[in-house]
Amino acid sequence: MCLAGPLWAAPLVLVYGDSLSAAYGIPRDAGWPALLEKRLAGHKPAWRVVNASVSGETTAGGLARLPAVLDRHRPDIVILALGANDGLRGLSLTQAGRNLAAMAATAKQRGARVLLVGIRLPPNYGSTYTGEFQALYATLARETRLPLVPFLLDGIATRPELFLPDGLHPTAAAQPRLLDTVWRGLAPMLNSVPAGRSSG
């Protein structure tokens, strides 16, 4: 409840992803969302960052919890970086696409802009499935007119020294590269969002 009129907060970026965005296996403050927060602190206007990523999250799980997250944080921009676990578990790509589209639509309905961040699967999943999975993000971005970062792990995927022993999760040393990849899609969006929303 506001006691002295509406309060105006700095605009907010919500990072909504899985373990690749949740700093799995490394200190949380070393993850790319934490590095993004530091970079945006020097931006004019300054931005806040909330990392609502959950390790192991699928698109279905993300869709289920998104309304409550949006109600709590009221973001101006949502970085939607889900789908990897759907692919790794061999889940329906059609359903994954529907879930991602529904999340984007829900965020837009709440007044947020959405940046879609894609991922690719290791080649051992077969050329057909991996090709269809990669195309999922490009198709969704085109059909829903979302800005797209095609591949979160661009530039590091073929460098095993930048991954933890599981071969799936980037090390702390790789996080600045992930940030730079996301930044290419995010930077053009920052100046097109009105600064400050009423939190009262």
N, C-alpha and C. Protein backbone atom coordinates (compact mmCIF):
# COMPACT_ATOMS: atom_id res chain seq x y z
N MET A 1 0.85 -1.19 0.00
CA MET A 1 0.00 0.00 0.00
C MET A 1 0.88 1.23 0.00
N CYS A 2 0.55 2.21 -0.83
CA CYS A 2 1.32 3.45 -0.89
C CYS A 2 0.75 4.45 0.09
N LEU A 3 1.60 5.04 0.89
CA LEU A 3 1.16 6.01 1.88
C LEU A 3 1.35 7.43 1.42
N ALA A 4 2.19 7.64 0.41
CA ALA A 4 2.49 9.01 -0.01
C ALA A 4 2.47 9.10 -1.53
N GLY A 5 1.45 8.51 -2.13
CA GLY A 5 1.34 8.58 -3.58
C GLY A 5 2.12 7.47 -4.24
N PRO A 6 2.09 7.39 -5.57
CA PRO A 6 2.76 6.30 -6.28
C PRO A 6 4.27 6.39 -6.18
N LEU A 7 4.89 5.23 -6.10
CA LEU A 7 6.34 5.15 -6.09
C LEU A 7 6.80 4.71 -7.46
N TRP A 8 7.86 5.32 -7.96
CA TRP A 8 8.34 5.02 -9.30
C TRP A 8 9.68 4.33 -9.20
N ALA A 9 9.72 3.15 -9.74
CA ALA A 9 10.94 2.34 -9.66
C ALA A 9 11.63 2.33 -11.00
N ALA A 10 12.93 2.03 -10.96
CA ALA A 10 13.68 1.87 -12.21
C ALA A 10 13.08 0.71 -13.00
N PRO A 11 13.14 0.77 -14.32
CA PRO A 11 12.61 -0.32 -15.13
C PRO A 11 13.33 -1.63 -14.84
N LEU A 12 12.66 -2.73 -15.13
CA LEU A 12 13.14 -4.03 -14.68
C LEU A 12 13.21 -5.04 -15.82
N VAL A 13 14.31 -5.77 -15.84
CA VAL A 13 14.49 -6.90 -16.75
C VAL A 13 14.33 -8.18 -15.96
N LEU A 14 13.45 -9.06 -16.43
CA LEU A 14 13.26 -10.36 -15.81
C LEU A 14 13.94 -11.43 -16.66
N VAL A 15 14.88 -12.15 -16.08
CA VAL A 15 15.52 -13.27 -16.75
C VAL A 15 14.75 -14.53 -16.37
N TYR A 16 14.20 -15.21 -17.37
CA TYR A 16 13.30 -16.34 -17.12
C TYR A 16 13.81 -17.54 -17.89
N GLY A 17 14.64 -18.32 -17.23
CA GLY A 17 15.27 -19.43 -17.92
C GLY A 17 15.44 -20.65 -17.05
N ASP A 18 16.41 -21.49 -17.42
CA ASP A 18 16.68 -22.74 -16.72
C ASP A 18 18.08 -22.68 -16.12
N SER A 19 18.73 -23.84 -15.98
CA SER A 19 20.03 -23.87 -15.32
C SER A 19 21.10 -23.06 -16.04
N LEU A 20 20.95 -22.88 -17.35
CA LEU A 20 21.92 -22.08 -18.11
C LEU A 20 21.88 -20.61 -17.70
N SER A 21 20.78 -20.21 -17.10
CA SER A 21 20.64 -18.83 -16.62
C SER A 21 20.61 -18.74 -15.11
N ALA A 22 20.56 -19.89 -14.44
CA ALA A 22 20.47 -19.91 -12.98
C ALA A 22 21.82 -20.08 -12.31
N ALA A 23 22.90 -19.94 -13.06
CA ALA A 23 24.25 -20.06 -12.52
C ALA A 23 24.49 -21.43 -11.88
N TYR A 24 24.03 -22.46 -12.56
CA TYR A 24 24.19 -23.82 -12.04
C TYR A 24 25.68 -24.17 -11.90
N GLY A 25 26.05 -24.65 -10.71
CA GLY A 25 27.40 -25.13 -10.48
C GLY A 25 28.46 -24.07 -10.27
N ILE A 26 28.06 -22.81 -10.28
CA ILE A 26 28.99 -21.71 -10.07
C ILE A 26 28.36 -20.72 -9.09
N PRO A 27 29.13 -19.81 -8.51
CA PRO A 27 28.52 -18.80 -7.64
C PRO A 27 27.46 -17.99 -8.38
N ARG A 28 26.36 -17.73 -7.71
CA ARG A 28 25.25 -17.03 -8.37
C ARG A 28 25.67 -15.66 -8.90
N ASP A 29 26.57 -14.99 -8.17
CA ASP A 29 26.98 -13.66 -8.62
C ASP A 29 27.95 -13.71 -9.79
N ALA A 30 28.33 -14.93 -10.22
CA ALA A 30 29.18 -15.06 -11.40
C ALA A 30 28.38 -15.36 -12.65
N GLY A 31 27.09 -15.65 -12.50
CA GLY A 31 26.25 -15.97 -13.64
C GLY A 31 25.99 -14.77 -14.52
N TRP A 32 25.63 -15.03 -15.78
CA TRP A 32 25.44 -13.91 -16.71
C TRP A 32 24.33 -12.96 -16.29
N PRO A 33 23.22 -13.41 -15.65
CA PRO A 33 22.24 -12.42 -15.20
C PRO A 33 22.79 -11.46 -14.15
N ALA A 34 23.65 -11.96 -13.25
CA ALA A 34 24.26 -11.07 -12.26
C ALA A 34 25.21 -10.08 -12.94
N LEU A 35 25.93 -10.55 -13.95
CA LEU A 35 26.80 -9.65 -14.71
C LEU A 35 25.98 -8.63 -15.49
N LEU A 36 24.80 -9.05 -15.95
CA LEU A 36 23.90 -8.11 -16.63
C LEU A 36 23.45 -7.02 -15.68
N GLU A 37 23.13 -7.41 -14.46
CA GLU A 37 22.71 -6.41 -13.47
C GLU A 37 23.80 -5.37 -13.24
N LYS A 38 25.04 -5.82 -13.16
CA LYS A 38 26.15 -4.88 -12.98
C LYS A 38 26.29 -3.97 -14.18
N ARG A 39 26.13 -4.52 -15.38
CA ARG A 39 26.26 -3.69 -16.58
C ARG A 39 25.14 -2.66 -16.65
N LEU A 40 23.94 -3.07 -16.30
CA LEU A 40 22.80 -2.16 -16.40
C LEU A 40 22.78 -1.11 -15.31
N ALA A 41 23.52 -1.36 -14.23
CA ALA A 41 23.59 -0.36 -13.17
C ALA A 41 24.24 0.92 -13.67
N GLY A 42 25.08 0.80 -14.69
CA GLY A 42 25.72 1.97 -15.26
C GLY A 42 25.01 2.53 -16.47
N HIS A 43 23.89 1.90 -16.83
CA HIS A 43 23.11 2.36 -17.98
C HIS A 43 22.28 3.57 -17.59
N LYS A 44 21.98 4.42 -18.53
CA LYS A 44 21.13 5.59 -18.29
C LYS A 44 19.85 5.44 -19.10
N PRO A 45 18.67 5.23 -18.46
CA PRO A 45 18.50 5.11 -17.01
C PRO A 45 19.01 3.76 -16.51
N ALA A 46 19.25 3.69 -15.19
CA ALA A 46 19.64 2.42 -14.58
C ALA A 46 18.47 1.44 -14.64
N TRP A 47 18.80 0.18 -14.72
CA TRP A 47 17.78 -0.87 -14.73
C TRP A 47 18.01 -1.83 -13.57
N ARG A 48 16.95 -2.44 -13.13
CA ARG A 48 17.03 -3.53 -12.18
C ARG A 48 16.95 -4.85 -12.95
N VAL A 49 17.49 -5.91 -12.36
CA VAL A 49 17.42 -7.24 -12.94
C VAL A 49 16.93 -8.22 -11.88
N VAL A 50 15.95 -9.03 -12.24
CA VAL A 50 15.50 -10.13 -11.39
C VAL A 50 15.73 -11.42 -12.15
N ASN A 51 16.43 -12.34 -11.54
CA ASN A 51 16.68 -13.64 -12.16
C ASN A 51 15.72 -14.66 -11.56
N ALA A 52 14.69 -15.03 -12.33
CA ALA A 52 13.70 -16.00 -11.87
C ALA A 52 13.91 -17.35 -12.53
N SER A 53 15.14 -17.63 -12.93
CA SER A 53 15.46 -18.89 -13.60
C SER A 53 15.50 -20.03 -12.58
N VAL A 54 15.11 -21.23 -13.03
CA VAL A 54 15.07 -22.41 -12.17
C VAL A 54 15.76 -23.56 -12.89
N SER A 55 16.75 -24.15 -12.26
CA SER A 55 17.44 -25.30 -12.85
C SER A 55 16.46 -26.44 -13.09
N GLY A 56 16.56 -27.06 -14.26
CA GLY A 56 15.69 -28.16 -14.61
C GLY A 56 14.34 -27.76 -15.18
N GLU A 57 14.09 -26.48 -15.29
CA GLU A 57 12.78 -26.00 -15.75
C GLU A 57 12.52 -26.38 -17.20
N THR A 58 11.31 -26.84 -17.46
CA THR A 58 10.83 -27.08 -18.82
C THR A 58 9.92 -25.93 -19.23
N THR A 59 9.53 -25.92 -20.49
CA THR A 59 8.61 -24.87 -20.93
C THR A 59 7.25 -25.01 -20.25
N ALA A 60 6.83 -26.25 -19.97
CA ALA A 60 5.55 -26.44 -19.28
C ALA A 60 5.61 -25.89 -17.87
N GLY A 61 6.70 -26.16 -17.16
CA GLY A 61 6.86 -25.63 -15.82
C GLY A 61 6.95 -24.11 -15.82
N GLY A 62 7.67 -23.59 -16.80
CA GLY A 62 7.79 -22.14 -16.91
C GLY A 62 6.46 -21.47 -17.16
N LEU A 63 5.65 -22.08 -18.02
CA LEU A 63 4.33 -21.52 -18.33
C LEU A 63 3.45 -21.51 -17.09
N ALA A 64 3.53 -22.57 -16.30
CA ALA A 64 2.67 -22.68 -15.13
C ALA A 64 2.97 -21.62 -14.08
N ARG A 65 4.24 -21.28 -13.91
CA ARG A 65 4.59 -20.35 -12.84
C ARG A 65 4.72 -18.90 -13.30
N LEU A 66 4.66 -18.67 -14.61
CA LEU A 66 4.91 -17.32 -15.12
C LEU A 66 3.92 -16.27 -14.62
N PRO A 67 2.61 -16.51 -14.62
CA PRO A 67 1.70 -15.43 -14.17
C PRO A 67 2.04 -14.88 -12.80
N ALA A 68 2.35 -15.77 -11.85
CA ALA A 68 2.68 -15.31 -10.50
C ALA A 68 3.98 -14.50 -10.50
N VAL A 69 4.95 -14.91 -11.30
CA VAL A 69 6.22 -14.19 -11.38
C VAL A 69 5.99 -12.80 -11.97
N LEU A 70 5.18 -12.72 -13.01
CA LEU A 70 4.88 -11.42 -13.63
C LEU A 70 4.13 -10.51 -12.66
N ASP A 71 3.18 -11.08 -11.92
CA ASP A 71 2.43 -10.28 -10.95
C ASP A 71 3.34 -9.74 -9.86
N ARG A 72 4.32 -10.54 -9.47
CA ARG A 72 5.20 -10.12 -8.38
C ARG A 72 6.18 -9.05 -8.81
N HIS A 73 6.75 -9.19 -10.01
CA HIS A 73 7.85 -8.31 -10.39
C HIS A 73 7.48 -7.22 -11.41
N ARG A 74 6.43 -7.42 -12.18
CA ARG A 74 5.97 -6.43 -13.16
C ARG A 74 7.11 -5.95 -14.05
N PRO A 75 7.75 -6.85 -14.78
CA PRO A 75 8.92 -6.47 -15.59
C PRO A 75 8.56 -5.64 -16.81
N ASP A 76 9.51 -4.86 -17.25
CA ASP A 76 9.38 -4.12 -18.51
C ASP A 76 9.87 -4.95 -19.68
N ILE A 77 10.87 -5.78 -19.44
CA ILE A 77 11.41 -6.69 -20.45
C ILE A 77 11.55 -8.07 -19.83
N VAL A 78 11.15 -9.10 -20.58
CA VAL A 78 11.34 -10.48 -20.16
C VAL A 78 12.31 -11.15 -21.13
N ILE A 79 13.40 -11.68 -20.59
CA ILE A 79 14.33 -12.49 -21.39
C ILE A 79 13.90 -13.94 -21.22
N LEU A 80 13.28 -14.50 -22.25
CA LEU A 80 12.71 -15.84 -22.21
C LEU A 80 13.73 -16.83 -22.76
N ALA A 81 14.32 -17.63 -21.87
CA ALA A 81 15.42 -18.51 -22.24
C ALA A 81 15.16 -19.93 -21.78
N LEU A 82 14.05 -20.49 -22.23
CA LEU A 82 13.66 -21.84 -21.86
C LEU A 82 13.61 -22.75 -23.09
N GLY A 83 13.58 -24.05 -22.83
CA GLY A 83 13.45 -25.03 -23.90
C GLY A 83 14.53 -26.09 -23.91
N ALA A 84 15.67 -25.80 -23.31
CA ALA A 84 16.78 -26.76 -23.34
C ALA A 84 16.38 -28.09 -22.72
N ASN A 85 15.68 -28.03 -21.59
CA ASN A 85 15.31 -29.27 -20.91
C ASN A 85 14.25 -30.06 -21.67
N ASP A 86 13.39 -29.36 -22.40
CA ASP A 86 12.45 -30.07 -23.27
C ASP A 86 13.22 -30.89 -24.30
N GLY A 87 14.22 -30.25 -24.90
CA GLY A 87 15.00 -30.93 -25.92
C GLY A 87 15.82 -32.08 -25.37
N LEU A 88 16.47 -31.86 -24.23
CA LEU A 88 17.32 -32.90 -23.65
C LEU A 88 16.50 -34.11 -23.20
N ARG A 89 15.22 -33.88 -22.88
CA ARG A 89 14.36 -34.98 -22.44
C ARG A 89 13.54 -35.57 -23.59
N GLY A 90 13.74 -35.04 -24.80
CA GLY A 90 13.02 -35.57 -25.94
C GLY A 90 11.53 -35.29 -25.91
N LEU A 91 11.14 -34.19 -25.27
CA LEU A 91 9.72 -33.85 -25.18
C LEU A 91 9.22 -33.29 -26.52
N SER A 92 7.92 -33.20 -26.64
CA SER A 92 7.30 -32.73 -27.88
C SER A 92 7.75 -31.32 -28.22
N LEU A 93 8.32 -31.16 -29.40
CA LEU A 93 8.74 -29.82 -29.83
C LEU A 93 7.53 -28.96 -30.17
N THR A 94 6.49 -29.58 -30.66
CA THR A 94 5.26 -28.83 -30.95
C THR A 94 4.72 -28.21 -29.68
N GLN A 95 4.67 -29.01 -28.61
CA GLN A 95 4.16 -28.49 -27.34
C GLN A 95 5.11 -27.45 -26.75
N ALA A 96 6.41 -27.68 -26.91
CA ALA A 96 7.37 -26.70 -26.41
C ALA A 96 7.17 -25.35 -27.10
N GLY A 97 6.95 -25.39 -28.41
CA GLY A 97 6.70 -24.15 -29.15
C GLY A 97 5.44 -23.46 -28.68
N ARG A 98 4.40 -24.25 -28.42
CA ARG A 98 3.15 -23.66 -27.91
C ARG A 98 3.35 -23.04 -26.54
N ASN A 99 4.13 -23.72 -25.70
CA ASN A 99 4.38 -23.19 -24.36
C ASN A 99 5.16 -21.88 -24.43
N LEU A 100 6.18 -21.84 -25.27
CA LEU A 100 6.96 -20.61 -25.41
C LEU A 100 6.10 -19.47 -25.96
N ALA A 101 5.27 -19.78 -26.95
CA ALA A 101 4.38 -18.76 -27.51
C ALA A 101 3.41 -18.25 -26.46
N ALA A 102 2.89 -19.15 -25.63
CA ALA A 102 1.95 -18.74 -24.58
C ALA A 102 2.64 -17.87 -23.54
N MET A 103 3.88 -18.20 -23.20
CA MET A 103 4.62 -17.37 -22.25
C MET A 103 4.87 -15.98 -22.81
N ALA A 104 5.25 -15.91 -24.07
CA ALA A 104 5.49 -14.61 -24.70
C ALA A 104 4.21 -13.79 -24.73
N ALA A 105 3.10 -14.44 -25.07
CA ALA A 105 1.82 -13.73 -25.13
C ALA A 105 1.40 -13.24 -23.75
N THR A 106 1.61 -14.06 -22.73
CA THR A 106 1.24 -13.67 -21.37
C THR A 106 2.06 -12.47 -20.91
N ALA A 107 3.36 -12.50 -21.20
CA ALA A 107 4.21 -11.37 -20.82
C ALA A 107 3.79 -10.10 -21.54
N LYS A 108 3.49 -10.22 -22.83
CA LYS A 108 3.07 -9.05 -23.59
C LYS A 108 1.76 -8.49 -23.06
N GLN A 109 0.85 -9.38 -22.68
CA GLN A 109 -0.43 -8.92 -22.14
C GLN A 109 -0.25 -8.14 -20.84
N ARG A 110 0.83 -8.42 -20.13
CA ARG A 110 1.11 -7.68 -18.89
C ARG A 110 1.95 -6.43 -19.15
N GLY A 111 2.17 -6.11 -20.41
CA GLY A 111 2.87 -4.88 -20.75
C GLY A 111 4.37 -5.00 -20.91
N ALA A 112 4.91 -6.22 -20.90
CA ALA A 112 6.35 -6.41 -21.04
C ALA A 112 6.72 -6.71 -22.49
N ARG A 113 7.92 -6.33 -22.87
CA ARG A 113 8.49 -6.75 -24.14
C ARG A 113 9.29 -8.02 -23.90
N VAL A 114 9.40 -8.85 -24.93
CA VAL A 114 10.00 -10.18 -24.76
C VAL A 114 11.18 -10.35 -25.72
N LEU A 115 12.30 -10.81 -25.17
CA LEU A 115 13.45 -11.21 -25.96
C LEU A 115 13.55 -12.73 -25.86
N LEU A 116 13.46 -13.40 -26.99
CA LEU A 116 13.54 -14.86 -27.03
C LEU A 116 14.99 -15.28 -27.20
N VAL A 117 15.44 -16.18 -26.35
CA VAL A 117 16.82 -16.67 -26.42
C VAL A 117 16.78 -18.16 -26.74
N GLY A 118 17.39 -18.53 -27.86
CA GLY A 118 17.37 -19.92 -28.31
C GLY A 118 18.55 -20.72 -27.78
N ILE A 119 18.41 -22.02 -27.95
CA ILE A 119 19.47 -22.95 -27.56
C ILE A 119 19.53 -24.03 -28.64
N ARG A 120 20.63 -24.75 -28.69
CA ARG A 120 20.78 -25.87 -29.62
C ARG A 120 21.16 -27.11 -28.85
N LEU A 121 20.86 -28.26 -29.41
CA LEU A 121 21.13 -29.53 -28.77
C LEU A 121 22.44 -30.13 -29.26
N PRO A 122 23.08 -30.95 -28.44
CA PRO A 122 24.29 -31.65 -28.90
C PRO A 122 23.98 -32.55 -30.10
N PRO A 123 24.93 -32.77 -30.97
CA PRO A 123 24.69 -33.54 -32.20
C PRO A 123 24.28 -34.98 -31.97
N ASN A 124 24.56 -35.52 -30.77
CA ASN A 124 24.21 -36.92 -30.52
C ASN A 124 22.70 -37.15 -30.42
N TYR A 125 21.92 -36.10 -30.46
CA TYR A 125 20.47 -36.25 -30.46
C TYR A 125 19.92 -36.50 -31.86
N GLY A 126 20.78 -36.52 -32.85
CA GLY A 126 20.36 -36.82 -34.21
C GLY A 126 20.07 -35.56 -35.00
N SER A 127 20.42 -35.59 -36.28
CA SER A 127 20.31 -34.39 -37.10
C SER A 127 18.87 -33.93 -37.29
N THR A 128 17.94 -34.87 -37.38
CA THR A 128 16.54 -34.48 -37.60
C THR A 128 15.98 -33.74 -36.39
N TYR A 129 16.14 -34.34 -35.22
CA TYR A 129 15.59 -33.73 -34.01
C TYR A 129 16.30 -32.42 -33.68
N THR A 130 17.62 -32.41 -33.77
CA THR A 130 18.35 -31.18 -33.45
C THR A 130 18.02 -30.07 -34.43
N GLY A 131 17.83 -30.42 -35.71
CA GLY A 131 17.45 -29.41 -36.70
C GLY A 131 16.08 -28.83 -36.43
N GLU A 132 15.13 -29.71 -36.09
CA GLU A 132 13.79 -29.24 -35.77
C GLU A 132 13.79 -28.38 -34.51
N PHE A 133 14.61 -28.77 -33.54
CA PHE A 133 14.69 -28.00 -32.30
C PHE A 133 15.25 -26.61 -32.56
N GLN A 134 16.29 -26.52 -33.34
CA GLN A 134 16.89 -25.22 -33.66
C GLN A 134 15.91 -24.34 -34.41
N ALA A 135 15.15 -24.94 -35.34
CA ALA A 135 14.19 -24.18 -36.14
C ALA A 135 13.03 -23.66 -35.30
N LEU A 136 12.78 -24.32 -34.17
CA LEU A 136 11.67 -23.94 -33.31
C LEU A 136 11.73 -22.47 -32.93
N TYR A 137 12.91 -22.00 -32.55
CA TYR A 137 13.05 -20.62 -32.07
C TYR A 137 12.93 -19.62 -33.22
N ALA A 138 13.53 -19.94 -34.35
CA ALA A 138 13.43 -19.03 -35.49
C ALA A 138 11.99 -18.91 -35.97
N THR A 139 11.29 -20.02 -35.99
CA THR A 139 9.89 -20.00 -36.43
C THR A 139 9.03 -19.20 -35.47
N LEU A 140 9.23 -19.44 -34.18
CA LEU A 140 8.44 -18.72 -33.17
C LEU A 140 8.72 -17.22 -33.23
N ALA A 141 9.98 -16.84 -33.36
CA ALA A 141 10.33 -15.42 -33.43
C ALA A 141 9.68 -14.77 -34.64
N ARG A 142 9.70 -15.47 -35.76
CA ARG A 142 9.10 -14.91 -36.98
C ARG A 142 7.59 -14.79 -36.85
N GLU A 143 6.94 -15.82 -36.35
CA GLU A 143 5.48 -15.83 -36.29
C GLU A 143 4.93 -14.88 -35.24
N THR A 144 5.68 -14.66 -34.17
CA THR A 144 5.20 -13.79 -33.09
C THR A 144 5.90 -12.45 -33.05
N ARG A 145 6.79 -12.22 -34.01
CA ARG A 145 7.53 -10.96 -34.13
C ARG A 145 8.31 -10.63 -32.87
N LEU A 146 9.02 -11.64 -32.38
CA LEU A 146 9.87 -11.45 -31.21
C LEU A 146 11.31 -11.25 -31.65
N PRO A 147 12.03 -10.35 -31.01
CA PRO A 147 13.48 -10.30 -31.24
C PRO A 147 14.10 -11.60 -30.74
N LEU A 148 15.12 -12.07 -31.44
CA LEU A 148 15.67 -13.39 -31.15
C LEU A 148 17.18 -13.35 -31.00
N VAL A 149 17.67 -13.97 -29.93
CA VAL A 149 19.07 -14.35 -29.81
C VAL A 149 19.12 -15.82 -30.21
N PRO A 150 19.67 -16.18 -31.35
CA PRO A 150 19.53 -17.55 -31.86
C PRO A 150 20.13 -18.63 -30.97
N PHE A 151 21.26 -18.33 -30.30
CA PHE A 151 21.96 -19.41 -29.59
C PHE A 151 22.69 -18.83 -28.39
N LEU A 152 22.20 -19.16 -27.19
CA LEU A 152 22.79 -18.62 -25.97
C LEU A 152 24.27 -18.97 -25.84
N LEU A 153 24.63 -20.16 -26.28
CA LEU A 153 26.01 -20.64 -26.12
C LEU A 153 26.88 -20.36 -27.34
N ASP A 154 26.48 -19.39 -28.13
CA ASP A 154 27.25 -19.03 -29.32
C ASP A 154 28.69 -18.68 -28.95
N GLY A 155 29.64 -19.29 -29.65
CA GLY A 155 31.04 -18.98 -29.42
C GLY A 155 31.71 -19.81 -28.35
N ILE A 156 30.93 -20.56 -27.56
CA ILE A 156 31.55 -21.39 -26.53
C ILE A 156 31.18 -22.86 -26.65
N ALA A 157 30.17 -23.18 -27.44
CA ALA A 157 29.64 -24.55 -27.48
C ALA A 157 30.69 -25.58 -27.89
N THR A 158 31.66 -25.16 -28.67
CA THR A 158 32.69 -26.10 -29.14
C THR A 158 33.99 -25.98 -28.34
N ARG A 159 33.91 -25.35 -27.18
CA ARG A 159 35.09 -25.17 -26.34
C ARG A 159 34.87 -25.87 -24.99
N PRO A 160 35.25 -27.14 -24.90
CA PRO A 160 34.97 -27.92 -23.68
C PRO A 160 35.58 -27.33 -22.42
N GLU A 161 36.65 -26.55 -22.55
CA GLU A 161 37.27 -25.97 -21.37
C GLU A 161 36.39 -24.92 -20.70
N LEU A 162 35.36 -24.48 -21.40
CA LEU A 162 34.44 -23.48 -20.85
C LEU A 162 33.18 -24.10 -20.26
N PHE A 163 33.21 -25.43 -20.06
CA PHE A 163 32.07 -26.13 -19.48
C PHE A 163 32.50 -26.89 -18.23
N LEU A 164 31.55 -27.08 -17.33
CA LEU A 164 31.77 -27.90 -16.15
C LEU A 164 31.95 -29.36 -16.59
N PRO A 165 32.39 -30.23 -15.69
CA PRO A 165 32.62 -31.62 -16.08
C PRO A 165 31.42 -32.33 -16.69
N ASP A 166 30.20 -31.85 -16.43
CA ASP A 166 29.03 -32.49 -17.04
C ASP A 166 28.92 -32.22 -18.53
N GLY A 167 29.69 -31.27 -19.03
CA GLY A 167 29.67 -30.97 -20.46
C GLY A 167 28.47 -30.17 -20.92
N LEU A 168 27.60 -29.77 -20.00
CA LEU A 168 26.37 -29.06 -20.36
C LEU A 168 26.31 -27.63 -19.84
N HIS A 169 26.93 -27.39 -18.70
CA HIS A 169 26.77 -26.09 -18.05
C HIS A 169 28.06 -25.28 -18.12
N PRO A 170 27.97 -24.04 -18.58
CA PRO A 170 29.16 -23.20 -18.72
C PRO A 170 29.79 -22.85 -17.38
N THR A 171 31.09 -22.68 -17.40
CA THR A 171 31.84 -22.27 -16.22
C THR A 171 31.66 -20.78 -15.97
N ALA A 172 32.20 -20.34 -14.84
CA ALA A 172 32.17 -18.90 -14.54
C ALA A 172 32.92 -18.11 -15.59
N ALA A 173 34.01 -18.68 -16.11
CA ALA A 173 34.79 -17.97 -17.12
C ALA A 173 34.01 -17.74 -18.40
N ALA A 174 32.98 -18.57 -18.66
CA ALA A 174 32.19 -18.44 -19.88
C ALA A 174 31.07 -17.41 -19.76
N GLN A 175 30.74 -17.01 -18.55
CA GLN A 175 29.55 -16.18 -18.35
C GLN A 175 29.62 -14.81 -19.03
N PRO A 176 30.76 -14.13 -19.05
CA PRO A 176 30.80 -12.86 -19.79
C PRO A 176 30.49 -13.03 -21.27
N ARG A 177 30.84 -14.18 -21.84
CA ARG A 177 30.54 -14.43 -23.24
C ARG A 177 29.04 -14.63 -23.43
N LEU A 178 28.40 -15.33 -22.49
CA LEU A 178 26.95 -15.48 -22.57
C LEU A 178 26.27 -14.12 -22.47
N LEU A 179 26.76 -13.29 -21.56
CA LEU A 179 26.18 -11.95 -21.43
C LEU A 179 26.31 -11.16 -22.73
N ASP A 180 27.48 -11.21 -23.35
CA ASP A 180 27.66 -10.46 -24.59
C ASP A 180 26.72 -10.96 -25.68
N THR A 181 26.46 -12.27 -25.70
CA THR A 181 25.53 -12.83 -26.68
C THR A 181 24.12 -12.32 -26.45
N VAL A 182 23.67 -12.35 -25.20
CA VAL A 182 22.34 -11.84 -24.88
C VAL A 182 22.26 -10.34 -25.11
N TRP A 183 23.34 -9.64 -24.81
CA TRP A 183 23.34 -8.18 -24.92
C TRP A 183 23.07 -7.72 -26.35
N ARG A 184 23.52 -8.49 -27.32
CA ARG A 184 23.28 -8.09 -28.71
C ARG A 184 21.80 -7.98 -29.02
N GLY A 185 20.99 -8.81 -28.39
CA GLY A 185 19.55 -8.72 -28.59
C GLY A 185 18.88 -7.75 -27.64
N LEU A 186 19.42 -7.63 -26.44
CA LEU A 186 18.79 -6.79 -25.42
C LEU A 186 19.04 -5.31 -25.61
N ALA A 187 20.25 -4.94 -25.97
CA ALA A 187 20.63 -3.53 -26.03
C ALA A 187 19.67 -2.67 -26.85
N PRO A 188 19.24 -3.13 -28.05
CA PRO A 188 18.31 -2.28 -28.81
C PRO A 188 16.95 -2.09 -28.14
N MET A 189 16.61 -2.96 -27.19
CA MET A 189 15.32 -2.87 -26.53
C MET A 189 15.31 -1.89 -25.37
N LEU A 190 16.48 -1.60 -24.82
CA LEU A 190 16.52 -0.84 -23.59
C LEU A 190 16.03 0.59 -23.73
N ASN A 191 16.37 1.22 -24.85
CA ASN A 191 16.00 2.63 -25.02
C ASN A 191 14.58 2.82 -25.52
N SER A 192 13.87 1.70 -25.77
CA SER A 192 12.50 1.81 -26.28
C SER A 192 11.46 1.50 -25.20
N VAL A 193 11.92 1.37 -23.95
CA VAL A 193 11.01 1.11 -22.84
C VAL A 193 10.94 2.34 -21.97
N PRO A 194 9.74 2.85 -21.69
CA PRO A 194 9.62 4.02 -20.81
C PRO A 194 10.24 3.73 -19.45
N ALA A 195 10.97 4.68 -18.94
CA ALA A 195 11.66 4.50 -17.66
C ALA A 195 10.68 4.64 -16.50
N GLY A 196 10.61 3.59 -15.69
CA GLY A 196 9.86 3.66 -14.44
C GLY A 196 8.41 3.29 -14.57
N ARG A 197 7.98 2.40 -13.69
CA ARG A 197 6.57 2.06 -13.58
C ARG A 197 6.11 2.35 -12.16
N SER A 198 4.84 2.65 -12.04
CA SER A 198 4.32 2.85 -10.70
C SER A 198 4.28 1.54 -9.96
N SER A 199 4.82 1.50 -8.75
CA SER A 199 4.75 0.29 -7.93
C SER A 199 3.72 0.45 -6.83
N GLY A 200 2.97 1.49 -6.90
CA GLY A 200 1.96 1.72 -5.87
C GLY A 200 0.59 1.44 -6.36
